[in-house]
Amino acid sequence: MRKVIVTGGAGFIDFALIRHLVKNELAEVVNLDKLTYAGNLESLREVSSSPLSAPLLPKTIVSGWLNLLGKP
């Protein structure tokens, strides 16, 4: 299965993409989000294996990177 990194995935529209990827088994997702006013970690709970961020290992190989950040 592909593994992708998503930045900003806790935003309103962005978490819909993550849910789609995970529920349809299209990819494993590593979500990186600053969790400012626009991010909501609760929205990802149904597809998250852990409520907290998992560490990225230096040897992790990913198939892609989706940058969904609203602000730099």
C-alpha atoms as a PDB file:
ATOM      1  CA  MET A   1       0.000   0.000   0.000  1.00  0.00           C
ATOM      2  CA  ARG A   2       1.199   3.503  -0.754  1.00  0.00           C
ATOM      3  CA  LYS A   3       2.185   5.807   2.068  1.00  0.00           C
ATOM      4  CA  VAL A   4       1.656   9.544   1.662  1.00  0.00           C
ATOM      5  CA  ILE A   5       2.439  12.523   3.852  1.00  0.00           C
ATOM      6  CA  VAL A   6      -0.291  15.151   4.086  1.00  0.00           C
ATOM      7  CA  THR A   7       0.480  18.573   5.526  1.00  0.00           C
ATOM      8  CA  GLY A   8      -2.465  20.504   6.886  1.00  0.00           C
ATOM      9  CA  GLY A   9      -4.766  17.504   6.910  1.00  0.00           C
ATOM     10  CA  ALA A  10      -6.816  18.538   9.953  1.00  0.00           C
ATOM     11  CA  GLY A  11      -8.534  21.349   8.075  1.00  0.00           C
ATOM     12  CA  PHE A  12     -12.214  21.209   7.099  1.00  0.00           C
ATOM     13  CA  ILE A  13     -11.852  20.084   3.476  1.00  0.00           C
ATOM     14  CA  ASP A  14      -8.485  18.411   3.891  1.00  0.00           C
ATOM     15  CA  PHE A  15      -9.641  15.781   6.366  1.00  0.00           C
ATOM     16  CA  ALA A  16     -12.239  14.636   3.826  1.00  0.00           C
ATOM     17  CA  LEU A  17      -9.381  13.706   1.498  1.00  0.00           C
ATOM     18  CA  ILE A  18      -7.603  11.799   4.256  1.00  0.00           C
ATOM     19  CA  ARG A  19     -10.789   9.903   5.157  1.00  0.00           C
ATOM     20  CA  HIS A  20     -11.281   9.019   1.489  1.00  0.00           C
ATOM     21  CA  LEU A  21      -7.714   7.708   1.128  1.00  0.00           C
ATOM     22  CA  VAL A  22      -7.866   5.645   4.319  1.00  0.00           C
ATOM     23  CA  LYS A  23     -11.422   4.280   4.098  1.00  0.00           C
ATOM     24  CA  ASN A  24     -10.967   3.224   0.466  1.00  0.00           C
ATOM     25  CA  GLU A  25      -7.557   1.719   1.305  1.00  0.00           C
ATOM     26  CA  LEU A  26      -5.830   3.874  -1.305  1.00  0.00           C
ATOM     27  CA  ALA A  27      -2.972   4.902   0.977  1.00  0.00           C
ATOM     28  CA  GLU A  28      -1.568   4.955   4.470  1.00  0.00           C
ATOM     29  CA  VAL A  29      -1.507   8.579   5.578  1.00  0.00           C
ATOM     30  CA  VAL A  30       0.911  10.437   7.819  1.00  0.00           C
ATOM     31  CA  ASN A  31      -0.712  13.767   8.652  1.00  0.00           C
ATOM     32  CA  LEU A  32       1.348  16.736   9.792  1.00  0.00           C
ATOM     33  CA  ASP A  33      -0.683  19.679  11.030  1.00  0.00           C
ATOM     34  CA  LYS A  34       0.116  22.718  13.160  1.00  0.00           C
ATOM     35  CA  LEU A  35      -3.408  22.555  14.637  1.00  0.00           C
ATOM     36  CA  THR A  36      -4.077  26.274  14.663  1.00  0.00           C
ATOM     37  CA  TYR A  37      -7.602  27.731  14.657  1.00  0.00           C
ATOM     38  CA  ALA A  38      -8.434  25.953  11.372  1.00  0.00           C
ATOM     39  CA  GLY A  39      -7.301  22.466  12.380  1.00  0.00           C
ATOM     40  CA  ASN A  40      -9.492  19.984  14.218  1.00  0.00           C
ATOM     41  CA  LEU A  41      -7.825  16.761  15.298  1.00  0.00           C
ATOM     42  CA  GLU A  42     -11.175  15.304  16.399  1.00  0.00           C
ATOM     43  CA  SER A  43     -12.329  15.172  12.775  1.00  0.00           C
ATOM     44  CA  LEU A  44      -9.612  12.601  12.025  1.00  0.00           C
ATOM     45  CA  ARG A  45     -10.352  10.340  14.982  1.00  0.00           C
ATOM     46  CA  GLU A  46     -12.422   7.866  12.933  1.00  0.00           C
ATOM     47  CA  VAL A  47      -9.474   7.067  10.630  1.00  0.00           C
ATOM     48  CA  SER A  48      -6.627   7.533  13.086  1.00  0.00           C
ATOM     49  CA  SER A  49      -4.783   4.646  14.643  1.00  0.00           C
ATOM     50  CA  SER A  50      -3.647   6.993  17.404  1.00  0.00           C
ATOM     51  CA  PRO A  51      -5.067  10.277  18.694  1.00  0.00           C
ATOM     52  CA  LEU A  52      -1.532  11.613  18.934  1.00  0.00           C
ATOM     53  CA  SER A  53       0.968  12.136  16.163  1.00  0.00           C
ATOM     54  CA  ALA A  54       3.181   9.169  15.413  1.00  0.00           C
ATOM     55  CA  PRO A  55       6.893   9.822  14.958  1.00  0.00           C
ATOM     56  CA  LEU A  56       8.259   9.830  11.433  1.00  0.00           C
ATOM     57  CA  LEU A  57      11.150   7.445  11.140  1.00  0.00           C
ATOM     58  CA  PRO A  58      14.127   8.645   9.090  1.00  0.00           C
ATOM     59  CA  LYS A  59      13.905   5.528   6.910  1.00  0.00           C
ATOM     60  CA  THR A  60      10.206   5.905   6.097  1.00  0.00           C
ATOM     61  CA  ILE A  61       9.615   5.676   2.361  1.00  0.00           C
ATOM     62  CA  VAL A  62       6.642   7.589   1.023  1.00  0.00           C
ATOM     63  CA  SER A  63       4.930   7.504  -2.359  1.00  0.00           C
ATOM     64  CA  GLY A  64       3.834  11.121  -2.303  1.00  0.00           C
ATOM     65  CA  TRP A  65       3.385  14.358  -0.462  1.00  0.00           C
ATOM     66  CA  LEU A  66       0.149  16.396  -0.477  1.00  0.00           C
ATOM     67  CA  ASN A  67       0.561  19.975   0.705  1.00  0.00           C
ATOM     68  CA  LEU A  68      -2.849  21.221   1.851  1.00  0.00           C
ATOM     69  CA  LEU A  69      -1.617  24.030   4.076  1.00  0.00           C
ATOM     70  CA  GLY A  70      -3.860  27.071   4.230  1.00  0.00           C
ATOM     71  CA  LYS A  71      -1.088  29.305   5.527  1.00  0.00           C
ATOM     72  CA  PRO A  72       2.692  28.963   5.382  1.00  0.00           C
END
